[in-house]
Amino acid sequence: LLIKKEKVDFTQILSLQQNAIVGTSSSR
């Protein structure tokens, strides 16, 4: 998972801020 530095939240699972927009086209 590559995250924009300003969208990081280390208190969250996966270190992503709440309601982050994640790009993927894979159902899995």
mmCIF file of all heavy atoms, coordinates in Angstrom:
data_MODEL
# 
_entry.id   MODEL 
# 
loop_
_atom_site.group_PDB 
_atom_site.id 
_atom_site.type_symbol 
_atom_site.label_atom_id 
_atom_site.label_alt_id 
_atom_site.label_comp_id 
_atom_site.label_asym_id 
_atom_site.label_entity_id 
_atom_site.label_seq_id 
_atom_site.pdbx_PDB_ins_code 
_atom_site.Cartn_x 
_atom_site.Cartn_y 
_atom_site.Cartn_z 
_atom_site.occupancy 
_atom_site.B_iso_or_equiv 
_atom_site.pdbx_formal_charge 
_atom_site.auth_seq_id 
_atom_site.auth_comp_id 
_atom_site.auth_asym_id 
_atom_site.auth_atom_id 
_atom_site.pdbx_PDB_model_num 
ATOM 1   N N   . LEU A 1 1  ? 0.856   -1.183  0.000   1.00 0.00 ? 1  LEU A N   1 
ATOM 2   C CA  . LEU A 1 1  ? 0.000   0.000   0.000   1.00 0.00 ? 1  LEU A CA  1 
ATOM 3   C C   . LEU A 1 1  ? 0.890   1.231   0.000   1.00 0.00 ? 1  LEU A C   1 
ATOM 4   O O   . LEU A 1 1  ? 1.733   1.394   0.891   1.00 0.00 ? 1  LEU A O   1 
ATOM 5   C CB  . LEU A 1 1  ? -0.900  -0.016  1.245   1.00 0.00 ? 1  LEU A CB  1 
ATOM 6   C CG  . LEU A 1 1  ? -1.932  1.105   1.405   1.00 0.00 ? 1  LEU A CG  1 
ATOM 7   C CD1 . LEU A 1 1  ? -3.013  1.008   0.321   1.00 0.00 ? 1  LEU A CD1 1 
ATOM 8   C CD2 . LEU A 1 1  ? -2.559  1.049   2.791   1.00 0.00 ? 1  LEU A CD2 1 
ATOM 9   N N   . LEU A 1 2  ? 0.750   2.071   -1.024  1.00 0.00 ? 2  LEU A N   1 
ATOM 10  C CA  . LEU A 1 2  ? 1.480   3.337   -1.094  1.00 0.00 ? 2  LEU A CA  1 
ATOM 11  C C   . LEU A 1 2  ? 0.520   4.453   -0.699  1.00 0.00 ? 2  LEU A C   1 
ATOM 12  O O   . LEU A 1 2  ? -0.554  4.591   -1.295  1.00 0.00 ? 2  LEU A O   1 
ATOM 13  C CB  . LEU A 1 2  ? 2.011   3.588   -2.506  1.00 0.00 ? 2  LEU A CB  1 
ATOM 14  C CG  . LEU A 1 2  ? 2.950   2.531   -3.100  1.00 0.00 ? 2  LEU A CG  1 
ATOM 15  C CD1 . LEU A 1 2  ? 3.415   2.963   -4.485  1.00 0.00 ? 2  LEU A CD1 1 
ATOM 16  C CD2 . LEU A 1 2  ? 4.137   2.273   -2.191  1.00 0.00 ? 2  LEU A CD2 1 
ATOM 17  N N   . ILE A 1 3  ? 0.900   5.236   0.304   1.00 0.00 ? 3  ILE A N   1 
ATOM 18  C CA  . ILE A 1 3  ? 0.019   6.267   0.854   1.00 0.00 ? 3  ILE A CA  1 
ATOM 19  C C   . ILE A 1 3  ? 0.679   7.640   0.728   1.00 0.00 ? 3  ILE A C   1 
ATOM 20  O O   . ILE A 1 3  ? 1.868   7.802   1.028   1.00 0.00 ? 3  ILE A O   1 
ATOM 21  C CB  . ILE A 1 3  ? -0.283  6.010   2.345   1.00 0.00 ? 3  ILE A CB  1 
ATOM 22  C CG1 . ILE A 1 3  ? -0.749  4.568   2.576   1.00 0.00 ? 3  ILE A CG1 1 
ATOM 23  C CG2 . ILE A 1 3  ? -1.330  6.987   2.854   1.00 0.00 ? 3  ILE A CG2 1 
ATOM 24  C CD1 . ILE A 1 3  ? -0.907  4.211   4.048   1.00 0.00 ? 3  ILE A CD1 1 
ATOM 25  N N   . LYS A 1 4  ? -0.090  8.632   0.304   1.00 0.00 ? 4  LYS A N   1 
ATOM 26  C CA  . LYS A 1 4  ? 0.402   10.008  0.325   1.00 0.00 ? 4  LYS A CA  1 
ATOM 27  C C   . LYS A 1 4  ? 0.751   10.367  1.761   1.00 0.00 ? 4  LYS A C   1 
ATOM 28  O O   . LYS A 1 4  ? 0.008   10.063  2.693   1.00 0.00 ? 4  LYS A O   1 
ATOM 29  C CB  . LYS A 1 4  ? -0.685  10.962  -0.193  1.00 0.00 ? 4  LYS A CB  1 
ATOM 30  C CG  . LYS A 1 4  ? -1.071  10.750  -1.645  1.00 0.00 ? 4  LYS A CG  1 
ATOM 31  C CD  . LYS A 1 4  ? -0.071  11.344  -2.609  1.00 0.00 ? 4  LYS A CD  1 
ATOM 32  C CE  . LYS A 1 4  ? -0.127  12.854  -2.604  1.00 0.00 ? 4  LYS A CE  1 
ATOM 33  N NZ  . LYS A 1 4  ? 0.783   13.436  -3.631  1.00 0.00 ? 4  LYS A NZ  1 
ATOM 34  N N   . LYS A 1 5  ? 1.891   11.006  1.966   1.00 0.00 ? 5  LYS A N   1 
ATOM 35  C CA  . LYS A 1 5  ? 2.387   11.290  3.323   1.00 0.00 ? 5  LYS A CA  1 
ATOM 36  C C   . LYS A 1 5  ? 1.349   12.047  4.154   1.00 0.00 ? 5  LYS A C   1 
ATOM 37  O O   . LYS A 1 5  ? 1.189   11.794  5.354   1.00 0.00 ? 5  LYS A O   1 
ATOM 38  C CB  . LYS A 1 5  ? 3.675   12.110  3.248   1.00 0.00 ? 5  LYS A CB  1 
ATOM 39  C CG  . LYS A 1 5  ? 4.858   11.383  2.605   1.00 0.00 ? 5  LYS A CG  1 
ATOM 40  C CD  . LYS A 1 5  ? 5.516   10.397  3.545   1.00 0.00 ? 5  LYS A CD  1 
ATOM 41  C CE  . LYS A 1 5  ? 6.831   9.894   2.973   1.00 0.00 ? 5  LYS A CE  1 
ATOM 42  N NZ  . LYS A 1 5  ? 7.486   8.892   3.827   1.00 0.00 ? 5  LYS A NZ  1 
ATOM 43  N N   . GLU A 1 6  ? 0.626   12.970  3.516   1.00 0.00 ? 6  GLU A N   1 
ATOM 44  C CA  . GLU A 1 6  ? -0.337  13.779  4.263   1.00 0.00 ? 6  GLU A CA  1 
ATOM 45  C C   . GLU A 1 6  ? -1.629  13.022  4.594   1.00 0.00 ? 6  GLU A C   1 
ATOM 46  O O   . GLU A 1 6  ? -2.491  13.536  5.312   1.00 0.00 ? 6  GLU A O   1 
ATOM 47  C CB  . GLU A 1 6  ? -0.680  15.064  3.486   1.00 0.00 ? 6  GLU A CB  1 
ATOM 48  C CG  . GLU A 1 6  ? -1.327  14.856  2.132   1.00 0.00 ? 6  GLU A CG  1 
ATOM 49  C CD  . GLU A 1 6  ? -0.321  14.723  0.996   1.00 0.00 ? 6  GLU A CD  1 
ATOM 50  O OE1 . GLU A 1 6  ? 0.852   14.363  1.274   1.00 0.00 ? 6  GLU A OE1 1 
ATOM 51  O OE2 . GLU A 1 6  ? -0.715  14.984  -0.163  1.00 0.00 ? 6  GLU A OE2 1 
ATOM 52  N N   . LYS A 1 7  ? -1.756  11.805  4.071   1.00 0.00 ? 7  LYS A N   1 
ATOM 53  C CA  . LYS A 1 7  ? -2.957  10.993  4.322   1.00 0.00 ? 7  LYS A CA  1 
ATOM 54  C C   . LYS A 1 7  ? -2.678  9.849   5.299   1.00 0.00 ? 7  LYS A C   1 
ATOM 55  O O   . LYS A 1 7  ? -3.505  8.951   5.469   1.00 0.00 ? 7  LYS A O   1 
ATOM 56  C CB  . LYS A 1 7  ? -3.486  10.436  3.003   1.00 0.00 ? 7  LYS A CB  1 
ATOM 57  C CG  . LYS A 1 7  ? -3.917  11.500  2.001   1.00 0.00 ? 7  LYS A CG  1 
ATOM 58  C CD  . LYS A 1 7  ? -5.080  12.324  2.536   1.00 0.00 ? 7  LYS A CD  1 
ATOM 59  C CE  . LYS A 1 7  ? -5.504  13.385  1.520   1.00 0.00 ? 7  LYS A CE  1 
ATOM 60  N NZ  . LYS A 1 7  ? -6.669  14.171  2.013   1.00 0.00 ? 7  LYS A NZ  1 
ATOM 61  N N   . VAL A 1 8  ? -1.532  9.879   5.940   1.00 0.00 ? 8  VAL A N   1 
ATOM 62  C CA  . VAL A 1 8  ? -1.143  8.821   6.872   1.00 0.00 ? 8  VAL A CA  1 
ATOM 63  C C   . VAL A 1 8  ? -1.714  9.091   8.262   1.00 0.00 ? 8  VAL A C   1 
ATOM 64  O O   . VAL A 1 8  ? -1.725  10.232  8.732   1.00 0.00 ? 8  VAL A O   1 
ATOM 65  C CB  . VAL A 1 8  ? 0.398   8.713   6.955   1.00 0.00 ? 8  VAL A CB  1 
ATOM 66  C CG1 . VAL A 1 8  ? 0.818   7.763   8.067   1.00 0.00 ? 8  VAL A CG1 1 
ATOM 67  C CG2 . VAL A 1 8  ? 0.972   8.272   5.614   1.00 0.00 ? 8  VAL A CG2 1 
ATOM 68  N N   . ASP A 1 9  ? -2.211  8.020   8.890   1.00 0.00 ? 9  ASP A N   1 
ATOM 69  C CA  . ASP A 1 9  ? -2.643  8.081   10.283  1.00 0.00 ? 9  ASP A CA  1 
ATOM 70  C C   . ASP A 1 9  ? -2.215  6.772   10.940  1.00 0.00 ? 9  ASP A C   1 
ATOM 71  O O   . ASP A 1 9  ? -2.863  5.736   10.763  1.00 0.00 ? 9  ASP A O   1 
ATOM 72  C CB  . ASP A 1 9  ? -4.158  8.275   10.379  1.00 0.00 ? 9  ASP A CB  1 
ATOM 73  C CG  . ASP A 1 9  ? -4.644  8.402   11.824  1.00 0.00 ? 9  ASP A CG  1 
ATOM 74  O OD1 . ASP A 1 9  ? -3.855  8.127   12.755  1.00 0.00 ? 9  ASP A OD1 1 
ATOM 75  O OD2 . ASP A 1 9  ? -5.825  8.762   12.018  1.00 0.00 ? 9  ASP A OD2 1 
ATOM 76  N N   . PHE A 1 10 ? -1.138  6.812   11.688  1.00 0.00 ? 10 PHE A N   1 
ATOM 77  C CA  . PHE A 1 10 ? -0.565  5.602   12.258  1.00 0.00 ? 10 PHE A CA  1 
ATOM 78  C C   . PHE A 1 10 ? -1.419  4.993   13.369  1.00 0.00 ? 10 PHE A C   1 
ATOM 79  O O   . PHE A 1 10 ? -1.157  3.883   13.811  1.00 0.00 ? 10 PHE A O   1 
ATOM 80  C CB  . PHE A 1 10 ? 0.850   5.872   12.776  1.00 0.00 ? 10 PHE A CB  1 
ATOM 81  C CG  . PHE A 1 10 ? 1.847   6.160   11.687  1.00 0.00 ? 10 PHE A CG  1 
ATOM 82  C CD1 . PHE A 1 10 ? 2.488   7.391   11.620  1.00 0.00 ? 10 PHE A CD1 1 
ATOM 83  C CD2 . PHE A 1 10 ? 2.143   5.205   10.710  1.00 0.00 ? 10 PHE A CD2 1 
ATOM 84  C CE1 . PHE A 1 10 ? 3.407   7.657   10.618  1.00 0.00 ? 10 PHE A CE1 1 
ATOM 85  C CE2 . PHE A 1 10 ? 3.063   5.464   9.703   1.00 0.00 ? 10 PHE A CE2 1 
ATOM 86  C CZ  . PHE A 1 10 ? 3.695   6.693   9.657   1.00 0.00 ? 10 PHE A CZ  1 
ATOM 87  N N   . THR A 1 11 ? -2.450  5.706   13.809  1.00 0.00 ? 11 THR A N   1 
ATOM 88  C CA  . THR A 1 11 ? -3.348  5.146   14.827  1.00 0.00 ? 11 THR A CA  1 
ATOM 89  C C   . THR A 1 11 ? -4.403  4.225   14.215  1.00 0.00 ? 11 THR A C   1 
ATOM 90  O O   . THR A 1 11 ? -5.110  3.536   14.937  1.00 0.00 ? 11 THR A O   1 
ATOM 91  C CB  . THR A 1 11 ? -4.062  6.259   15.610  1.00 0.00 ? 11 THR A CB  1 
ATOM 92  O OG1 . THR A 1 11 ? -5.000  6.926   14.746  1.00 0.00 ? 11 THR A OG1 1 
ATOM 93  C CG2 . THR A 1 11 ? -3.064  7.253   16.173  1.00 0.00 ? 11 THR A CG2 1 
ATOM 94  N N   . GLN A 1 12 ? -4.503  4.232   12.885  1.00 0.00 ? 12 GLN A N   1 
ATOM 95  C CA  . GLN A 1 12 ? -5.515  3.453   12.182  1.00 0.00 ? 12 GLN A CA  1 
ATOM 96  C C   . GLN A 1 12 ? -4.907  2.183   11.576  1.00 0.00 ? 12 GLN A C   1 
ATOM 97  O O   . GLN A 1 12 ? -3.718  2.157   11.226  1.00 0.00 ? 12 GLN A O   1 
ATOM 98  C CB  . GLN A 1 12 ? -6.148  4.288   11.055  1.00 0.00 ? 12 GLN A CB  1 
ATOM 99  C CG  . GLN A 1 12 ? -6.847  5.556   11.509  1.00 0.00 ? 12 GLN A CG  1 
ATOM 100 C CD  . GLN A 1 12 ? -8.148  5.290   12.214  1.00 0.00 ? 12 GLN A CD  1 
ATOM 101 O OE1 . GLN A 1 12 ? -8.812  4.285   11.976  1.00 0.00 ? 12 GLN A OE1 1 
ATOM 102 N NE2 . GLN A 1 12 ? -8.534  6.198   13.114  1.00 0.00 ? 12 GLN A NE2 1 
ATOM 103 N N   . ILE A 1 13 ? -5.728  1.162   11.419  1.00 0.00 ? 13 ILE A N   1 
ATOM 104 C CA  . ILE A 1 13 ? -5.306  -0.033  10.688  1.00 0.00 ? 13 ILE A CA  1 
ATOM 105 C C   . ILE A 1 13 ? -4.940  0.365   9.260   1.00 0.00 ? 13 ILE A C   1 
ATOM 106 O O   . ILE A 1 13 ? -5.635  1.171   8.632   1.00 0.00 ? 13 ILE A O   1 
ATOM 107 C CB  . ILE A 1 13 ? -6.426  -1.095  10.674  1.00 0.00 ? 13 ILE A CB  1 
ATOM 108 C CG1 . ILE A 1 13 ? -6.692  -1.590  12.093  1.00 0.00 ? 13 ILE A CG1 1 
ATOM 109 C CG2 . ILE A 1 13 ? -6.059  -2.271  9.765   1.00 0.00 ? 13 ILE A CG2 1 
ATOM 110 C CD1 . ILE A 1 13 ? -7.871  -2.549  12.183  1.00 0.00 ? 13 ILE A CD1 1 
ATOM 111 N N   . LEU A 1 14 ? -3.836  -0.152  8.768   1.00 0.00 ? 14 LEU A N   1 
ATOM 112 C CA  . LEU A 1 14 ? -3.274  0.148   7.443   1.00 0.00 ? 14 LEU A CA  1 
ATOM 113 C C   . LEU A 1 14 ? -2.663  1.555   7.366   1.00 0.00 ? 14 LEU A C   1 
ATOM 114 O O   . LEU A 1 14 ? -2.207  1.970   6.305   1.00 0.00 ? 14 LEU A O   1 
ATOM 115 C CB  . LEU A 1 14 ? -4.305  -0.028  6.323   1.00 0.00 ? 14 LEU A CB  1 
ATOM 116 C CG  . LEU A 1 14 ? -4.960  -1.414  6.196   1.00 0.00 ? 14 LEU A CG  1 
ATOM 117 C CD1 . LEU A 1 14 ? -6.018  -1.405  5.093   1.00 0.00 ? 14 LEU A CD1 1 
ATOM 118 C CD2 . LEU A 1 14 ? -3.914  -2.476  5.910   1.00 0.00 ? 14 LEU A CD2 1 
ATOM 119 N N   . SER A 1 15 ? -2.667  2.276   8.489   1.00 0.00 ? 15 SER A N   1 
ATOM 120 C CA  . SER A 1 15 ? -2.046  3.609   8.577   1.00 0.00 ? 15 SER A CA  1 
ATOM 121 C C   . SER A 1 15 ? -2.693  4.639   7.654   1.00 0.00 ? 15 SER A C   1 
ATOM 122 O O   . SER A 1 15 ? -2.067  5.636   7.284   1.00 0.00 ? 15 SER A O   1 
ATOM 123 C CB  . SER A 1 15 ? -0.536  3.522   8.276   1.00 0.00 ? 15 SER A CB  1 
ATOM 124 O OG  . SER A 1 15 ? 0.103   2.672   9.199   1.00 0.00 ? 15 SER A OG  1 
ATOM 125 N N   . LEU A 1 16 ? -3.953  4.419   7.308   1.00 0.00 ? 16 LEU A N   1 
ATOM 126 C CA  . LEU A 1 16 ? -4.679  5.339   6.433   1.00 0.00 ? 16 LEU A CA  1 
ATOM 127 C C   . LEU A 1 16 ? -5.645  6.199   7.240   1.00 0.00 ? 16 LEU A C   1 
ATOM 128 O O   . LEU A 1 16 ? -6.307  5.718   8.164   1.00 0.00 ? 16 LEU A O   1 
ATOM 129 C CB  . LEU A 1 16 ? -5.501  4.553   5.399   1.00 0.00 ? 16 LEU A CB  1 
ATOM 130 C CG  . LEU A 1 16 ? -4.820  4.147   4.099   1.00 0.00 ? 16 LEU A CG  1 
ATOM 131 C CD1 . LEU A 1 16 ? -5.671  3.123   3.380   1.00 0.00 ? 16 LEU A CD1 1 
ATOM 132 C CD2 . LEU A 1 16 ? -4.592  5.360   3.206   1.00 0.00 ? 16 LEU A CD2 1 
ATOM 133 N N   . GLN A 1 17 ? -5.756  7.478   6.859   1.00 0.00 ? 17 GLN A N   1 
ATOM 134 C CA  . GLN A 1 17 ? -6.746  8.352   7.466   1.00 0.00 ? 17 GLN A CA  1 
ATOM 135 C C   . GLN A 1 17 ? -8.158  7.835   7.204   1.00 0.00 ? 17 GLN A C   1 
ATOM 136 O O   . GLN A 1 17 ? -8.395  7.081   6.255   1.00 0.00 ? 17 GLN A O   1 
ATOM 137 C CB  . GLN A 1 17 ? -6.619  9.776   6.910   1.00 0.00 ? 17 GLN A CB  1 
ATOM 138 C CG  . GLN A 1 17 ? -5.414  10.539  7.397   1.00 0.00 ? 17 GLN A CG  1 
ATOM 139 C CD  . GLN A 1 17 ? -5.396  11.976  6.890   1.00 0.00 ? 17 GLN A CD  1 
ATOM 140 O OE1 . GLN A 1 17 ? -6.311  12.397  6.166   1.00 0.00 ? 17 GLN A OE1 1 
ATOM 141 N NE2 . GLN A 1 17 ? -4.371  12.722  7.253   1.00 0.00 ? 17 GLN A NE2 1 
ATOM 142 N N   . GLN A 1 18 ? -9.091  8.249   8.029   1.00 0.00 ? 18 GLN A N   1 
ATOM 143 C CA  . GLN A 1 18 ? -10.495 7.891   7.836   1.00 0.00 ? 18 GLN A CA  1 
ATOM 144 C C   . GLN A 1 18 ? -10.979 8.368   6.466   1.00 0.00 ? 18 GLN A C   1 
ATOM 145 O O   . GLN A 1 18 ? -10.617 9.445   5.990   1.00 0.00 ? 18 GLN A O   1 
ATOM 146 C CB  . GLN A 1 18 ? -11.362 8.544   8.930   1.00 0.00 ? 18 GLN A CB  1 
ATOM 147 C CG  . GLN A 1 18 ? -11.279 7.853   10.280  1.00 0.00 ? 18 GLN A CG  1 
ATOM 148 C CD  . GLN A 1 18 ? -12.097 6.561   10.315  1.00 0.00 ? 18 GLN A CD  1 
ATOM 149 O OE1 . GLN A 1 18 ? -13.227 6.501   9.834   1.00 0.00 ? 18 GLN A OE1 1 
ATOM 150 N NE2 . GLN A 1 18 ? -11.510 5.512   10.882  1.00 0.00 ? 18 GLN A NE2 1 
ATOM 151 N N   . ASN A 1 19 ? -11.792 7.503   5.825   1.00 0.00 ? 19 ASN A N   1 
ATOM 152 C CA  . ASN A 1 19 ? -12.447 7.819   4.545   1.00 0.00 ? 19 ASN A CA  1 
ATOM 153 C C   . ASN A 1 19 ? -11.458 8.083   3.412   1.00 0.00 ? 19 ASN A C   1 
ATOM 154 O O   . ASN A 1 19 ? -11.772 8.789   2.448   1.00 0.00 ? 19 ASN A O   1 
ATOM 155 C CB  . ASN A 1 19 ? -13.387 9.025   4.698   1.00 0.00 ? 19 ASN A CB  1 
ATOM 156 C CG  . ASN A 1 19 ? -14.416 8.814   5.790   1.00 0.00 ? 19 ASN A CG  1 
ATOM 157 O OD1 . ASN A 1 19 ? -15.097 7.785   5.820   1.00 0.00 ? 19 ASN A OD1 1 
ATOM 158 N ND2 . ASN A 1 19 ? -14.522 9.761   6.714   1.00 0.00 ? 19 ASN A ND2 1 
ATOM 159 N N   . ALA A 1 20 ? -10.288 7.516   3.511   1.00 0.00 ? 20 ALA A N   1 
ATOM 160 C CA  . ALA A 1 20 ? -9.292  7.704   2.453   1.00 0.00 ? 20 ALA A CA  1 
ATOM 161 C C   . ALA A 1 20 ? -9.761  7.073   1.148   1.00 0.00 ? 20 ALA A C   1 
ATOM 162 O O   . ALA A 1 20 ? -10.505 6.074   1.143   1.00 0.00 ? 20 ALA A O   1 
ATOM 163 C CB  . ALA A 1 20 ? -7.965  7.088   2.881   1.00 0.00 ? 20 ALA A CB  1 
ATOM 164 N N   . ILE A 1 21 ? -9.322  7.665   0.033   1.00 0.00 ? 21 ILE A N   1 
ATOM 165 C CA  . ILE A 1 21 ? -9.642  7.152   -1.305  1.00 0.00 ? 21 ILE A CA  1 
ATOM 166 C C   . ILE A 1 21 ? -8.488  6.272   -1.758  1.00 0.00 ? 21 ILE A C   1 
ATOM 167 O O   . ILE A 1 21 ? -7.356  6.741   -1.923  1.00 0.00 ? 21 ILE A O   1 
ATOM 168 C CB  . ILE A 1 21 ? -9.860  8.300   -2.306  1.00 0.00 ? 21 ILE A CB  1 
ATOM 169 C CG1 . ILE A 1 21 ? -11.017 9.194   -1.857  1.00 0.00 ? 21 ILE A CG1 1 
ATOM 170 C CG2 . ILE A 1 21 ? -10.121 7.756   -3.706  1.00 0.00 ? 21 ILE A CG2 1 
ATOM 171 C CD1 . ILE A 1 21 ? -11.140 10.480  -2.671  1.00 0.00 ? 21 ILE A CD1 1 
ATOM 172 N N   . VAL A 1 22 ? -8.779  4.992   -1.976  1.00 0.00 ? 22 VAL A N   1 
ATOM 173 C CA  . VAL A 1 22 ? -7.742  4.020   -2.338  1.00 0.00 ? 22 VAL A CA  1 
ATOM 174 C C   . VAL A 1 22 ? -7.993  3.514   -3.753  1.00 0.00 ? 22 VAL A C   1 
ATOM 175 O O   . VAL A 1 22 ? -9.109  3.093   -4.083  1.00 0.00 ? 22 VAL A O   1 
ATOM 176 C CB  . VAL A 1 22 ? -7.716  2.833   -1.357  1.00 0.00 ? 22 VAL A CB  1 
ATOM 177 C CG1 . VAL A 1 22 ? -6.596  1.858   -1.728  1.00 0.00 ? 22 VAL A CG1 1 
ATOM 178 C CG2 . VAL A 1 22 ? -7.538  3.328   0.072   1.00 0.00 ? 22 VAL A CG2 1 
ATOM 179 N N   . GLY A 1 23 ? -6.969  3.534   -4.576  1.00 0.00 ? 23 GLY A N   1 
ATOM 180 C CA  . GLY A 1 23 ? -7.084  3.089   -5.956  1.00 0.00 ? 23 GLY A CA  1 
ATOM 181 C C   . GLY A 1 23 ? -6.711  1.631   -6.129  1.00 0.00 ? 23 GLY A C   1 
ATOM 182 O O   . GLY A 1 23 ? -5.594  1.225   -5.804  1.00 0.00 ? 23 GLY A O   1 
ATOM 183 N N   . THR A 1 24 ? -7.653  0.837   -6.626  1.00 0.00 ? 24 THR A N   1 
ATOM 184 C CA  . THR A 1 24 ? -7.408  -0.546  -7.025  1.00 0.00 ? 24 THR A CA  1 
ATOM 185 C C   . THR A 1 24 ? -8.569  -1.014  -7.881  1.00 0.00 ? 24 THR A C   1 
ATOM 186 O O   . THR A 1 24 ? -9.716  -0.638  -7.640  1.00 0.00 ? 24 THR A O   1 
ATOM 187 C CB  . THR A 1 24 ? -7.229  -1.492  -5.821  1.00 0.00 ? 24 THR A CB  1 
ATOM 188 O OG1 . THR A 1 24 ? -7.050  -2.829  -6.311  1.00 0.00 ? 24 THR A OG1 1 
ATOM 189 C CG2 . THR A 1 24 ? -8.428  -1.479  -4.897  1.00 0.00 ? 24 THR A CG2 1 
ATOM 190 N N   . SER A 1 25 ? -8.286  -1.835  -8.890  1.00 0.00 ? 25 SER A N   1 
ATOM 191 C CA  . SER A 1 25 ? -9.338  -2.414  -9.728  1.00 0.00 ? 25 SER A CA  1 
ATOM 192 C C   . SER A 1 25 ? -9.526  -3.900  -9.460  1.00 0.00 ? 25 SER A C   1 
ATOM 193 O O   . SER A 1 25 ? -10.260 -4.571  -10.167 1.00 0.00 ? 25 SER A O   1 
ATOM 194 C CB  . SER A 1 25 ? -9.022  -2.190  -11.213 1.00 0.00 ? 25 SER A CB  1 
ATOM 195 O OG  . SER A 1 25 ? -9.047  -0.813  -11.518 1.00 0.00 ? 25 SER A OG  1 
ATOM 196 N N   . SER A 1 26 ? -8.852  -4.400  -8.434  1.00 0.00 ? 26 SER A N   1 
ATOM 197 C CA  . SER A 1 26 ? -8.887  -5.833  -8.129  1.00 0.00 ? 26 SER A CA  1 
ATOM 198 C C   . SER A 1 26 ? -9.981  -6.162  -7.117  1.00 0.00 ? 26 SER A C   1 
ATOM 199 O O   . SER A 1 26 ? -10.015 -5.581  -6.028  1.00 0.00 ? 26 SER A O   1 
ATOM 200 C CB  . SER A 1 26 ? -7.523  -6.260  -7.567  1.00 0.00 ? 26 SER A CB  1 
ATOM 201 O OG  . SER A 1 26 ? -7.613  -7.478  -6.856  1.00 0.00 ? 26 SER A OG  1 
ATOM 202 N N   . SER A 1 27 ? -10.853 -7.091  -7.448  1.00 0.00 ? 27 SER A N   1 
ATOM 203 C CA  . SER A 1 27 ? -11.898 -7.525  -6.517  1.00 0.00 ? 27 SER A CA  1 
ATOM 204 C C   . SER A 1 27 ? -11.286 -8.111  -5.250  1.00 0.00 ? 27 SER A C   1 
ATOM 205 O O   . SER A 1 27 ? -11.792 -7.896  -4.144  1.00 0.00 ? 27 SER A O   1 
ATOM 206 C CB  . SER A 1 27 ? -12.804 -8.570  -7.178  1.00 0.00 ? 27 SER A CB  1 
ATOM 207 O OG  . SER A 1 27 ? -13.517 -8.007  -8.243  1.00 0.00 ? 27 SER A OG  1 
ATOM 208 N N   . ARG A 1 28 ? -10.206 -8.863  -5.404  1.00 0.00 ? 28 ARG A N   1 
ATOM 209 C CA  . ARG A 1 28 ? -9.530  -9.467  -4.254  1.00 0.00 ? 28 ARG A CA  1 
ATOM 210 C C   . ARG A 1 28 ? -9.023  -8.391  -3.307  1.00 0.00 ? 28 ARG A C   1 
ATOM 211 O O   . ARG A 1 28 ? -9.232  -8.461  -2.092  1.00 0.00 ? 28 ARG A O   1 
ATOM 212 C CB  . ARG A 1 28 ? -8.363  -10.342 -4.739  1.00 0.00 ? 28 ARG A CB  1 
ATOM 213 C CG  . ARG A 1 28 ? -7.469  -10.886 -3.616  1.00 0.00 ? 28 ARG A CG  1 
ATOM 214 C CD  . ARG A 1 28 ? -6.251  -11.604 -4.188  1.00 0.00 ? 28 ARG A CD  1 
ATOM 215 N NE  . ARG A 1 28 ? -5.458  -10.763 -5.072  1.00 0.00 ? 28 ARG A NE  1 
ATOM 216 C CZ  . ARG A 1 28 ? -4.554  -9.875  -4.643  1.00 0.00 ? 28 ARG A CZ  1 
ATOM 217 N NH1 . ARG A 1 28 ? -4.326  -9.725  -3.348  1.00 0.00 ? 28 ARG A NH1 1 
ATOM 218 N NH2 . ARG A 1 28 ? -3.869  -9.151  -5.510  1.00 0.00 ? 28 ARG A NH2 1 
# 
